[in-house]
Amino acid sequence: MPTGAGADGVRRRRNTELVLVLFAVLTAAFADAGAECALHGGLPGAFALQVCGLGAVAVLAHLAVRRFAPYADPLILPLAVFLSGMGLVLLHRLDISYAAKYKSAPVAGGQVMWLCIGVAAFVAVTVGLKHHRILQRYTYVLMAGALVLLAAPAFFPGDTYGAKRWIRLGGFSFEPDEFTKLVITIFFAGYLMVQRDALALASRRVLGMYLPRGRNLGPVVAIWAASLLVLIFERDLGTSLIFFGIFVVMLYVATERTGWVVIGLLLACVGAGVVGSMEPHVHGRVVAWLHPMDIYLPHPPPGLISEQGAQAMFSFGSGGILGSGLGQGYPWLIGFAGRSDFILTTVGEELGAAGVLALLLVYALLAERGLRTALVLTDPFGKLLASGLAAALVLQVFVVAGGASGLIPLTGKALPFLAQGGSSMLANWLLVALLLKLSDAAGRTQLEPGPDPDGTVTLSAEEIRAGRALQQGVALG
């Protein structure tokens, strides 16, 4: 624990974090108890042991933050614990119905294992990563690894529900795109930090916006082409949208030019339109999005082979404002994707629109803490990295929630922390670890101005504002 001038502030942050972590565990425990009572009429004998196990894992993560990231934001870890706990509750609730209706094997136990692995990786990053600027040294090495991970599924046989997102080796499989979004965000932060001045140059003002010079469009066109290749060869709409969206958001943060955003949106619309009309799998998802109820016609249109979109609408609609209550709905009617792509419909049906809104607000708050960290950090690399990680989380929640609710075509991605998926759980806990290390550096800037662990000098926000005012005064003089 720090002993300097900011020791009291640090102690308050960590104590607040501990209280919120325990509150998140208890909230998940009460939710699971409600589902168990609704489905079985009572609690299982091992219920207390399960709650204590989840609490022990959460407290372990807190102790790692208290020791190795004492200045970190006190809300980031509790929010991740809450989302992970609620994910286990929803999966356990669905396991009971799926076993009764489809005789399928439970998945909540495997998700608990991946949660433990994710927390272990979180602790390893918290302990091992001394400062976030160390990642800047490996910008291009990480990019090379990201490209390999991004392209690898195209070379492995076998599609899963139309998309090629998995690498399968024997009985083991994982989704490399979940880790690619983290690695690519680190690369974008390092690249844009170096190139931001050149990319910020504008050639002309059109309709009130500064448009970039033609020779500076190369990076955007290259990333756009790479995202289209992913969409064409792997038929992975979600990864393509997230990959390109992260770059556009970080490009805007680096340059503050709305022209880049406009160009990015135009390229995204053109690419989605061309691929959506030519690639059969993507076209089928667009048809299912536009005409979800046509599956019940005597002769459904070609390419429309699933009723999941329609069932999701029924599920959301039957939930109303407050929902039927955990364990008292029929979310299992959606079929095999109820525990992955469409797990949000369980929230909508059994916790209602209020539950969905509350869940989305938790995601928004987690992203807001990342953006707040970006505002406080003084180094450009850290600012861009924190902004990119927050954008990655928001974009993934948007494409999943938008697909489940019918706002956009279904993408097949996993809702962070909630949906079934080991790769998603591990990658998102790594994302939380990076955000915590970034917020630790930001908190050090606020509470303990002075040398950073890597030897550089960090100024407080007040000192930075005073320096800028002095520079402006000298310039005016």
Protein backbone atom coordinates (compact mmCIF):
# COMPACT_ATOMS: atom_id res chain seq x y z
CA MET A 1 0.00 0.00 0.00
CA PRO A 2 1.43 3.44 -0.88
CA THR A 3 2.61 5.61 1.98
CA GLY A 4 2.84 8.99 0.21
CA ALA A 5 0.45 11.90 0.14
CA GLY A 6 -2.19 9.90 -1.70
CA ALA A 7 -2.22 6.94 0.72
CA ASP A 8 -5.64 7.83 2.15
CA GLY A 9 -7.15 8.14 -1.31
CA VAL A 10 -5.66 4.81 -2.36
CA ARG A 11 -6.96 3.10 0.76
CA ARG A 12 -10.46 4.46 0.17
CA ARG A 13 -10.39 3.23 -3.44
CA ARG A 14 -9.38 -0.29 -2.50
CA ASN A 15 -11.84 -0.54 0.39
CA THR A 16 -14.62 0.70 -1.89
CA GLU A 17 -13.61 -1.89 -4.45
CA LEU A 18 -13.74 -4.71 -1.87
CA VAL A 19 -17.22 -3.71 -0.71
CA LEU A 20 -18.48 -3.52 -4.31
CA VAL A 21 -16.90 -6.87 -5.21
CA LEU A 22 -18.65 -8.58 -2.30
CA PHE A 23 -21.90 -6.84 -3.24
CA ALA A 24 -21.56 -8.14 -6.82
CA VAL A 25 -21.04 -11.69 -5.52
CA LEU A 26 -24.07 -11.44 -3.22
CA THR A 27 -26.22 -10.06 -6.05
CA ALA A 28 -25.34 -13.06 -8.22
CA ALA A 29 -25.98 -15.39 -5.28
CA PHE A 30 -29.47 -13.96 -4.66
CA ALA A 31 -30.27 -14.17 -8.38
CA ASP A 32 -29.20 -17.82 -8.51
CA ALA A 33 -31.20 -18.56 -5.35
CA GLY A 34 -34.28 -17.05 -6.98
CA ALA A 35 -33.85 -19.17 -10.10
CA GLU A 36 -33.29 -22.34 -8.05
CA CYS A 37 -36.38 -21.74 -5.95
CA ALA A 38 -38.50 -21.09 -9.05
CA LEU A 39 -37.30 -24.22 -10.83
CA HIS A 40 -36.76 -26.67 -7.94
CA GLY A 41 -38.61 -25.18 -5.00
CA GLY A 42 -35.48 -24.89 -2.87
CA LEU A 43 -31.70 -24.49 -2.80
CA PRO A 44 -29.22 -27.31 -3.54
CA GLY A 45 -27.05 -28.60 -0.73
CA ALA A 46 -23.85 -27.20 -2.26
CA PHE A 47 -25.26 -23.70 -2.80
CA ALA A 48 -23.30 -22.06 0.03
CA LEU A 49 -20.09 -23.71 -1.15
CA GLN A 50 -20.64 -22.43 -4.69
CA VAL A 51 -21.18 -18.87 -3.44
CA CYS A 52 -18.07 -19.05 -1.27
CA GLY A 53 -16.07 -20.33 -4.25
CA LEU A 54 -17.14 -17.42 -6.45
CA GLY A 55 -16.42 -15.03 -3.59
CA ALA A 56 -12.93 -16.48 -3.10
CA VAL A 57 -12.09 -16.03 -6.79
CA ALA A 58 -13.35 -12.44 -6.73
CA VAL A 59 -11.43 -11.60 -3.53
CA LEU A 60 -8.27 -13.11 -5.03
CA ALA A 61 -8.57 -10.73 -7.97
CA HIS A 62 -9.14 -7.84 -5.54
CA LEU A 63 -6.03 -8.72 -3.52
CA ALA A 64 -3.94 -8.73 -6.70
CA VAL A 65 -5.24 -5.25 -7.56
CA ARG A 66 -4.71 -4.00 -3.99
CA ARG A 67 -1.07 -5.10 -4.08
CA PHE A 68 0.00 -4.49 -7.68
CA ALA A 69 -2.39 -1.79 -8.98
CA PRO A 70 -3.28 0.19 -5.84
CA TYR A 71 -4.21 3.39 -7.70
CA ALA A 72 -6.64 1.65 -10.08
CA ASP A 73 -10.26 2.66 -10.58
CA PRO A 74 -12.40 1.00 -7.86
CA LEU A 75 -15.35 0.23 -10.17
CA ILE A 76 -13.73 -1.76 -13.00
CA LEU A 77 -13.19 -5.02 -11.11
CA PRO A 78 -16.61 -5.09 -9.37
CA LEU A 79 -18.38 -4.52 -12.69
CA ALA A 80 -16.50 -7.43 -14.27
CA VAL A 81 -17.30 -9.65 -11.27
CA PHE A 82 -20.98 -8.70 -11.45
CA LEU A 83 -21.24 -9.48 -15.18
CA SER A 84 -19.37 -12.78 -14.79
CA GLY A 85 -21.54 -13.79 -11.84
CA MET A 86 -24.75 -13.00 -13.66
CA GLY A 87 -23.48 -14.94 -16.65
CA LEU A 88 -23.03 -18.02 -14.48
CA VAL A 89 -26.55 -17.53 -13.06
CA LEU A 90 -28.11 -17.35 -16.53
CA LEU A 91 -26.16 -20.36 -17.83
CA HIS A 92 -27.06 -22.43 -14.79
CA ARG A 93 -30.71 -21.47 -15.14
CA LEU A 94 -30.66 -22.42 -18.84
CA ASP A 95 -28.80 -25.68 -18.13
CA ILE A 96 -31.76 -26.89 -16.08
CA SER A 97 -34.28 -26.21 -18.85
CA TYR A 98 -32.03 -27.51 -21.64
CA ALA A 99 -31.43 -30.75 -19.76
CA ALA A 100 -35.17 -31.25 -19.24
CA LYS A 101 -36.24 -30.31 -22.79
CA TYR A 102 -33.32 -31.35 -24.99
CA LYS A 103 -31.31 -33.72 -22.76
CA SER A 104 -28.26 -31.56 -23.42
CA ALA A 105 -25.19 -31.52 -21.20
CA PRO A 106 -24.72 -28.59 -18.78
CA VAL A 107 -22.21 -25.86 -19.64
CA ALA A 108 -22.15 -23.77 -16.46
CA GLY A 109 -19.45 -26.00 -14.93
CA GLY A 110 -17.16 -25.44 -17.89
CA GLN A 111 -17.83 -21.71 -17.73
CA VAL A 112 -16.79 -21.72 -14.05
CA MET A 113 -13.52 -23.33 -15.09
CA TRP A 114 -12.94 -20.66 -17.74
CA LEU A 115 -13.80 -17.95 -15.22
CA CYS A 116 -11.06 -19.29 -12.93
CA ILE A 117 -8.63 -19.38 -15.88
CA GLY A 118 -9.63 -15.84 -16.81
CA VAL A 119 -9.07 -14.56 -13.28
CA ALA A 120 -5.71 -16.35 -13.16
CA ALA A 121 -4.71 -14.59 -16.40
CA PHE A 122 -6.01 -11.33 -14.92
CA VAL A 123 -3.77 -11.78 -11.87
CA ALA A 124 -0.80 -12.70 -14.07
CA VAL A 125 -1.15 -9.50 -16.13
CA THR A 126 -1.71 -7.38 -13.02
CA VAL A 127 1.44 -8.78 -11.41
CA GLY A 128 3.65 -9.16 -14.48
CA LEU A 129 2.90 -5.98 -16.47
CA LYS A 130 4.85 -3.30 -14.61
CA HIS A 131 3.62 -0.44 -16.81
CA HIS A 132 1.39 -0.23 -19.87
CA ARG A 133 4.09 1.55 -21.93
CA ILE A 134 6.04 -1.72 -22.01
CA LEU A 135 3.49 -2.93 -24.58
CA GLN A 136 4.50 -0.09 -26.89
CA ARG A 137 7.88 -1.75 -27.46
CA TYR A 138 6.23 -4.76 -29.12
CA THR A 139 3.78 -2.93 -31.38
CA TYR A 140 4.75 -4.55 -34.68
CA VAL A 141 5.47 -7.97 -33.17
CA LEU A 142 1.97 -7.97 -31.73
CA MET A 143 0.52 -6.90 -35.07
CA ALA A 144 2.23 -9.81 -36.82
CA GLY A 145 0.75 -12.17 -34.26
CA ALA A 146 -2.67 -10.58 -34.66
CA LEU A 147 -2.64 -11.09 -38.43
CA VAL A 148 -1.74 -14.75 -37.95
CA LEU A 149 -4.56 -15.22 -35.45
CA LEU A 150 -7.00 -13.34 -37.67
CA ALA A 151 -6.26 -15.44 -40.75
CA ALA A 152 -5.78 -18.80 -39.04
CA PRO A 153 -9.43 -19.99 -38.94
CA ALA A 154 -9.68 -19.76 -42.74
CA PHE A 155 -7.12 -22.57 -43.01
CA PHE A 156 -8.85 -24.96 -40.62
CA PRO A 157 -11.57 -27.26 -41.95
CA GLY A 158 -15.15 -27.19 -40.79
CA ASP A 159 -17.68 -24.43 -40.41
CA THR A 160 -19.79 -23.88 -37.32
CA TYR A 161 -23.25 -22.53 -38.13
CA GLY A 162 -21.91 -20.96 -41.32
CA ALA A 163 -18.90 -19.07 -39.94
CA LYS A 164 -15.24 -20.07 -39.68
CA ARG A 165 -14.14 -18.50 -36.41
CA TRP A 166 -12.69 -21.48 -34.57
CA ILE A 167 -9.34 -23.23 -34.56
CA ARG A 168 -9.81 -26.89 -33.68
CA LEU A 169 -6.93 -29.08 -32.56
CA GLY A 170 -8.13 -32.49 -31.48
CA GLY A 171 -10.79 -32.01 -28.83
CA PHE A 172 -9.71 -28.44 -28.09
CA SER A 173 -11.09 -25.38 -29.85
CA PHE A 174 -10.84 -21.63 -29.37
CA GLU A 175 -11.84 -18.40 -31.11
CA PRO A 176 -8.69 -16.41 -31.99
CA ASP A 177 -10.70 -13.31 -32.91
CA GLU A 178 -11.46 -12.71 -29.22
CA PHE A 179 -7.75 -12.24 -28.57
CA THR A 180 -7.10 -10.52 -31.88
CA LYS A 181 -9.22 -7.52 -30.87
CA LEU A 182 -6.91 -6.92 -27.87
CA VAL A 183 -3.68 -7.33 -29.82
CA ILE A 184 -4.88 -5.15 -32.70
CA THR A 185 -5.97 -2.44 -30.26
CA ILE A 186 -2.43 -2.35 -28.82
CA PHE A 187 -0.99 -2.11 -32.33
CA PHE A 188 -3.39 0.68 -33.34
CA ALA A 189 -2.43 2.64 -30.21
CA GLY A 190 1.28 2.40 -31.02
CA TYR A 191 0.85 3.11 -34.72
CA LEU A 192 -1.52 6.06 -34.34
CA MET A 193 0.63 7.63 -31.64
CA VAL A 194 3.48 7.89 -34.16
CA GLN A 195 1.36 8.81 -37.21
CA ARG A 196 -1.30 11.04 -35.66
CA ASP A 197 0.23 14.31 -36.85
CA ALA A 198 0.36 13.17 -40.48
CA LEU A 199 -3.15 11.71 -40.29
CA ALA A 200 -4.54 14.90 -38.74
CA LEU A 201 -3.52 17.05 -41.71
CA ALA A 202 -6.49 18.21 -43.76
CA SER A 203 -6.56 19.18 -47.40
CA ARG A 204 -9.91 20.92 -47.69
CA ARG A 205 -13.07 21.78 -45.80
CA VAL A 206 -16.24 20.20 -47.20
CA LEU A 207 -19.69 20.70 -45.63
CA GLY A 208 -18.11 21.89 -42.40
CA MET A 209 -15.76 18.90 -42.09
CA TYR A 210 -12.03 18.64 -42.65
CA LEU A 211 -11.37 15.75 -45.01
CA PRO A 212 -7.95 14.02 -44.95
CA ARG A 213 -5.48 14.13 -47.79
CA GLY A 214 -5.67 11.34 -50.33
CA ARG A 215 -2.23 9.92 -49.56
CA ASN A 216 -3.20 9.57 -45.88
CA LEU A 217 -6.19 7.36 -46.69
CA GLY A 218 -3.89 4.35 -47.06
CA PRO A 219 -4.19 3.04 -43.47
CA VAL A 220 -7.99 3.23 -43.47
CA VAL A 221 -8.26 1.53 -46.87
CA ALA A 222 -5.83 -1.21 -45.74
CA ILE A 223 -7.80 -1.93 -42.57
CA TRP A 224 -11.03 -1.81 -44.56
CA ALA A 225 -9.65 -4.36 -47.03
CA ALA A 226 -8.48 -6.63 -44.21
CA SER A 227 -11.92 -6.55 -42.58
CA LEU A 228 -13.53 -7.42 -45.92
CA LEU A 229 -11.17 -10.38 -46.32
CA VAL A 230 -12.24 -11.65 -42.92
CA LEU A 231 -15.88 -11.21 -43.93
CA ILE A 232 -15.41 -13.02 -47.26
CA PHE A 233 -13.15 -15.93 -46.31
CA GLU A 234 -14.32 -16.55 -42.74
CA ARG A 235 -17.89 -15.26 -43.10
CA ASP A 236 -17.50 -13.58 -39.71
CA LEU A 237 -19.60 -10.43 -39.76
CA GLY A 238 -19.10 -9.59 -36.08
CA THR A 239 -15.30 -9.67 -36.10
CA SER A 240 -15.17 -7.62 -39.28
CA LEU A 241 -17.40 -4.89 -37.79
CA ILE A 242 -15.51 -4.78 -34.50
CA PHE A 243 -12.09 -4.81 -36.17
CA PHE A 244 -12.86 -1.91 -38.48
CA GLY A 245 -14.90 -0.02 -35.87
CA ILE A 246 -12.06 -0.03 -33.32
CA PHE A 247 -9.69 1.47 -35.86
CA VAL A 248 -12.08 4.24 -36.87
CA VAL A 249 -12.82 5.17 -33.25
CA MET A 250 -9.13 5.25 -32.33
CA LEU A 251 -8.34 7.22 -35.48
CA TYR A 252 -10.85 9.86 -34.44
CA VAL A 253 -9.44 9.96 -30.89
CA ALA A 254 -5.91 10.40 -32.27
CA THR A 255 -6.70 13.08 -34.88
CA GLU A 256 -9.99 14.67 -33.70
CA ARG A 257 -11.07 14.80 -37.35
CA THR A 258 -14.73 13.96 -38.04
CA GLY A 259 -13.77 13.44 -41.67
CA TRP A 260 -12.17 10.12 -40.73
CA VAL A 261 -15.40 8.97 -39.11
CA VAL A 262 -17.44 9.89 -42.18
CA ILE A 263 -15.03 8.09 -44.51
CA GLY A 264 -15.01 5.07 -42.20
CA LEU A 265 -18.81 4.85 -42.13
CA LEU A 266 -19.00 5.17 -45.92
CA LEU A 267 -16.44 2.40 -46.41
CA ALA A 268 -18.24 0.19 -43.90
CA CYS A 269 -21.58 0.68 -45.67
CA VAL A 270 -20.05 -0.02 -49.09
CA GLY A 271 -18.23 -3.13 -47.89
CA ALA A 272 -21.22 -4.52 -46.00
CA GLY A 273 -23.51 -3.88 -48.95
CA VAL A 274 -21.25 -5.61 -51.48
CA VAL A 275 -20.41 -8.62 -49.33
CA GLY A 276 -23.96 -8.91 -48.00
CA SER A 277 -25.32 -9.24 -51.51
CA MET A 278 -22.65 -11.65 -52.78
CA GLU A 279 -21.62 -13.95 -49.91
CA PRO A 280 -24.39 -16.53 -49.28
CA HIS A 281 -23.97 -16.87 -45.50
CA VAL A 282 -23.91 -13.13 -44.86
CA HIS A 283 -26.79 -12.64 -47.31
CA GLY A 284 -28.81 -15.26 -45.42
CA ARG A 285 -28.34 -13.38 -42.17
CA VAL A 286 -29.47 -10.16 -43.82
CA VAL A 287 -32.60 -11.90 -45.14
CA ALA A 288 -33.32 -13.35 -41.68
CA TRP A 289 -32.92 -9.86 -40.20
CA LEU A 290 -35.25 -8.20 -42.73
CA HIS A 291 -37.94 -10.91 -42.69
CA PRO A 292 -37.74 -12.84 -39.39
CA MET A 293 -41.42 -13.88 -39.42
CA ASP A 294 -41.30 -15.29 -42.94
CA ILE A 295 -39.99 -18.55 -41.49
CA TYR A 296 -43.61 -19.37 -40.57
CA LEU A 297 -44.87 -18.98 -44.15
CA PRO A 298 -45.80 -22.16 -46.05
CA HIS A 299 -42.86 -21.51 -48.38
CA PRO A 300 -40.12 -19.47 -46.61
CA PRO A 301 -37.77 -17.49 -48.87
CA PRO A 302 -34.44 -19.11 -49.82
CA GLY A 303 -31.71 -18.70 -47.21
CA LEU A 304 -34.13 -18.29 -44.31
CA ILE A 305 -33.65 -21.53 -42.39
CA SER A 306 -33.87 -20.50 -38.73
CA GLU A 307 -36.68 -19.23 -36.52
CA GLN A 308 -34.33 -17.91 -33.83
CA GLY A 309 -34.84 -14.28 -34.84
CA ALA A 310 -38.60 -14.61 -34.50
CA GLN A 311 -38.33 -16.53 -31.23
CA ALA A 312 -36.07 -13.79 -29.84
CA MET A 313 -38.74 -11.19 -30.61
CA PHE A 314 -41.37 -13.32 -28.87
CA SER A 315 -39.06 -13.67 -25.88
CA PHE A 316 -38.40 -9.95 -25.55
CA GLY A 317 -42.08 -9.15 -26.09
CA SER A 318 -43.34 -11.57 -23.43
CA GLY A 319 -40.98 -10.13 -20.83
CA GLY A 320 -42.67 -6.75 -20.66
CA ILE A 321 -41.24 -4.18 -18.25
CA LEU A 322 -40.26 -6.34 -15.27
CA GLY A 323 -40.17 -9.82 -16.78
CA SER A 324 -41.59 -13.13 -15.60
CA GLY A 325 -38.88 -13.72 -12.99
CA LEU A 326 -35.75 -15.86 -13.17
CA GLY A 327 -36.65 -19.46 -13.90
CA GLN A 328 -40.25 -18.70 -14.85
CA GLY A 329 -39.90 -17.97 -18.59
CA TYR A 330 -39.38 -20.08 -21.70
CA PRO A 331 -36.01 -18.88 -23.12
CA TRP A 332 -35.03 -22.42 -24.05
CA LEU A 333 -37.49 -22.27 -26.98
CA ILE A 334 -34.85 -20.34 -28.96
CA GLY A 335 -32.84 -23.56 -29.31
CA PHE A 336 -29.12 -24.23 -29.30
CA ALA A 337 -28.08 -20.54 -29.40
CA GLY A 338 -29.94 -19.58 -26.22
CA ARG A 339 -26.79 -19.90 -24.14
CA SER A 340 -24.54 -18.06 -26.60
CA ASP A 341 -25.81 -15.66 -29.28
CA PHE A 342 -29.23 -15.11 -27.70
CA ILE A 343 -28.52 -15.18 -23.97
CA LEU A 344 -29.70 -11.56 -23.80
CA THR A 345 -33.21 -12.77 -24.63
CA THR A 346 -33.26 -14.67 -21.33
CA VAL A 347 -32.64 -11.38 -19.56
CA GLY A 348 -35.37 -9.71 -21.60
CA GLU A 349 -37.95 -12.42 -20.92
CA GLU A 350 -37.27 -13.11 -17.24
CA LEU A 351 -35.98 -9.73 -16.03
CA GLY A 352 -37.87 -7.59 -18.53
CA ALA A 353 -36.91 -4.37 -20.27
CA ALA A 354 -35.72 -3.03 -16.91
CA GLY A 355 -33.25 -5.90 -16.60
CA VAL A 356 -31.94 -5.43 -20.13
CA LEU A 357 -31.53 -1.70 -19.56
CA ALA A 358 -29.75 -2.28 -16.24
CA LEU A 359 -27.39 -4.79 -17.89
CA LEU A 360 -26.57 -2.44 -20.76
CA LEU A 361 -25.94 0.36 -18.25
CA VAL A 362 -23.39 -1.85 -16.49
CA TYR A 363 -21.57 -2.35 -19.79
CA ALA A 364 -21.79 1.38 -20.46
CA LEU A 365 -20.39 2.16 -17.01
CA LEU A 366 -17.47 -0.22 -17.57
CA ALA A 367 -16.71 1.47 -20.89
CA GLU A 368 -17.08 4.89 -19.25
CA ARG A 369 -14.41 4.01 -16.70
CA GLY A 370 -12.11 3.16 -19.60
CA LEU A 371 -12.81 6.49 -21.29
CA ARG A 372 -12.37 8.30 -17.99
CA THR A 373 -8.98 6.63 -17.66
CA ALA A 374 -8.08 7.83 -21.15
CA LEU A 375 -8.94 11.42 -20.19
CA VAL A 376 -6.72 11.35 -17.09
CA LEU A 377 -3.69 9.65 -18.63
CA THR A 378 -0.99 12.01 -19.86
CA ASP A 379 0.86 9.79 -22.35
CA PRO A 380 -0.64 9.46 -25.87
CA PHE A 381 -0.13 5.68 -26.06
CA GLY A 382 -2.07 5.12 -22.85
CA LYS A 383 -4.87 7.45 -23.95
CA LEU A 384 -5.29 5.63 -27.25
CA LEU A 385 -5.07 2.18 -25.68
CA ALA A 386 -7.67 2.94 -23.01
CA SER A 387 -10.00 4.46 -25.63
CA GLY A 388 -9.54 1.47 -27.93
CA LEU A 389 -10.27 -1.09 -25.21
CA ALA A 390 -13.41 0.78 -24.20
CA ALA A 391 -14.45 0.95 -27.86
CA ALA A 392 -13.83 -2.80 -28.32
CA LEU A 393 -16.15 -3.57 -25.41
CA VAL A 394 -18.89 -1.21 -26.61
CA LEU A 395 -18.73 -2.46 -30.19
CA GLN A 396 -18.97 -6.11 -29.19
CA VAL A 397 -21.93 -5.44 -26.91
CA PHE A 398 -23.57 -3.45 -29.70
CA VAL A 399 -23.20 -6.11 -32.39
CA VAL A 400 -24.42 -8.88 -30.06
CA ALA A 401 -27.30 -6.96 -28.46
CA GLY A 402 -28.23 -5.44 -31.81
CA GLY A 403 -28.32 -8.85 -33.45
CA ALA A 404 -30.39 -10.47 -30.70
CA SER A 405 -32.90 -7.61 -30.63
CA GLY A 406 -33.21 -7.34 -34.43
CA LEU A 407 -31.57 -3.93 -34.68
CA ILE A 408 -28.85 -5.27 -37.00
CA PRO A 409 -28.21 -8.66 -38.66
CA LEU A 410 -27.12 -11.41 -36.30
CA THR A 411 -23.31 -11.65 -35.99
CA GLY A 412 -22.83 -14.77 -33.88
CA LYS A 413 -20.48 -13.12 -31.38
CA ALA A 414 -20.58 -13.80 -27.63
CA LEU A 415 -21.92 -11.21 -25.20
CA PRO A 416 -18.89 -10.32 -23.00
CA PHE A 417 -18.80 -12.15 -19.64
CA LEU A 418 -22.38 -13.44 -19.98
CA ALA A 419 -22.52 -15.86 -22.89
CA GLN A 420 -21.08 -19.34 -23.02
CA GLY A 421 -17.53 -19.34 -24.37
CA GLY A 422 -14.11 -19.93 -22.85
CA SER A 423 -12.21 -17.79 -25.34
CA SER A 424 -14.55 -14.86 -24.76
CA MET A 425 -14.31 -15.15 -20.96
CA LEU A 426 -10.50 -15.31 -21.00
CA ALA A 427 -10.10 -12.47 -23.50
CA ASN A 428 -12.46 -10.16 -21.63
CA TRP A 429 -10.71 -10.71 -18.31
CA LEU A 430 -7.45 -9.83 -20.07
CA LEU A 431 -9.18 -6.66 -21.32
CA VAL A 432 -10.18 -5.83 -17.74
CA ALA A 433 -6.61 -6.42 -16.57
CA LEU A 434 -5.26 -3.98 -19.16
CA LEU A 435 -7.88 -1.38 -18.21
CA LEU A 436 -6.93 -1.74 -14.56
CA LYS A 437 -3.22 -1.26 -15.26
CA LEU A 438 -4.06 1.81 -17.33
CA SER A 439 -6.30 3.19 -14.60
CA ASP A 440 -3.54 2.50 -12.06
CA ALA A 441 -1.24 4.80 -14.04
CA ALA A 442 -4.04 7.37 -14.31
CA GLY A 443 -4.72 7.19 -10.57
CA ARG A 444 -1.04 7.61 -9.84
CA THR A 445 -1.15 10.78 -11.94
CA GLN A 446 -4.01 12.12 -9.82
CA LEU A 447 -2.90 11.01 -6.35
CA GLU A 448 0.90 10.70 -6.46
CA PRO A 449 2.44 12.99 -9.14
CA GLY A 450 6.04 12.03 -9.71
CA PRO A 451 8.17 9.35 -11.43
CA ASP A 452 6.36 6.45 -13.05
CA PRO A 453 7.63 2.89 -12.55
CA ASP A 454 9.42 3.07 -15.91
CA GLY A 455 11.39 6.13 -14.84
CA THR A 456 9.45 8.84 -16.64
CA VAL A 457 7.96 11.81 -14.83
CA THR A 458 4.18 12.10 -14.59
CA LEU A 459 2.57 15.45 -13.89
CA SER A 460 -0.75 15.91 -12.17
CA ALA A 461 -3.72 17.27 -14.08
CA GLU A 462 -3.40 20.58 -12.21
CA GLU A 463 0.26 20.88 -13.15
CA ILE A 464 -0.52 20.18 -16.81
CA ARG A 465 -3.22 22.87 -16.88
CA ALA A 466 -0.89 25.33 -15.18
CA GLY A 467 1.83 24.60 -17.74
CA ARG A 468 -0.56 25.11 -20.64
CA ALA A 469 -1.74 28.41 -19.16
CA LEU A 470 1.86 29.52 -18.79
CA GLN A 471 2.60 28.59 -22.42
CA GLN A 472 -0.42 30.55 -23.61
CA GLY A 473 0.64 33.56 -21.53
CA VAL A 474 4.15 33.50 -22.98
CA ALA A 475 2.72 33.20 -26.50
CA LEU A 476 0.41 36.16 -25.95
CA GLY A 477 3.21 38.18 -24.42
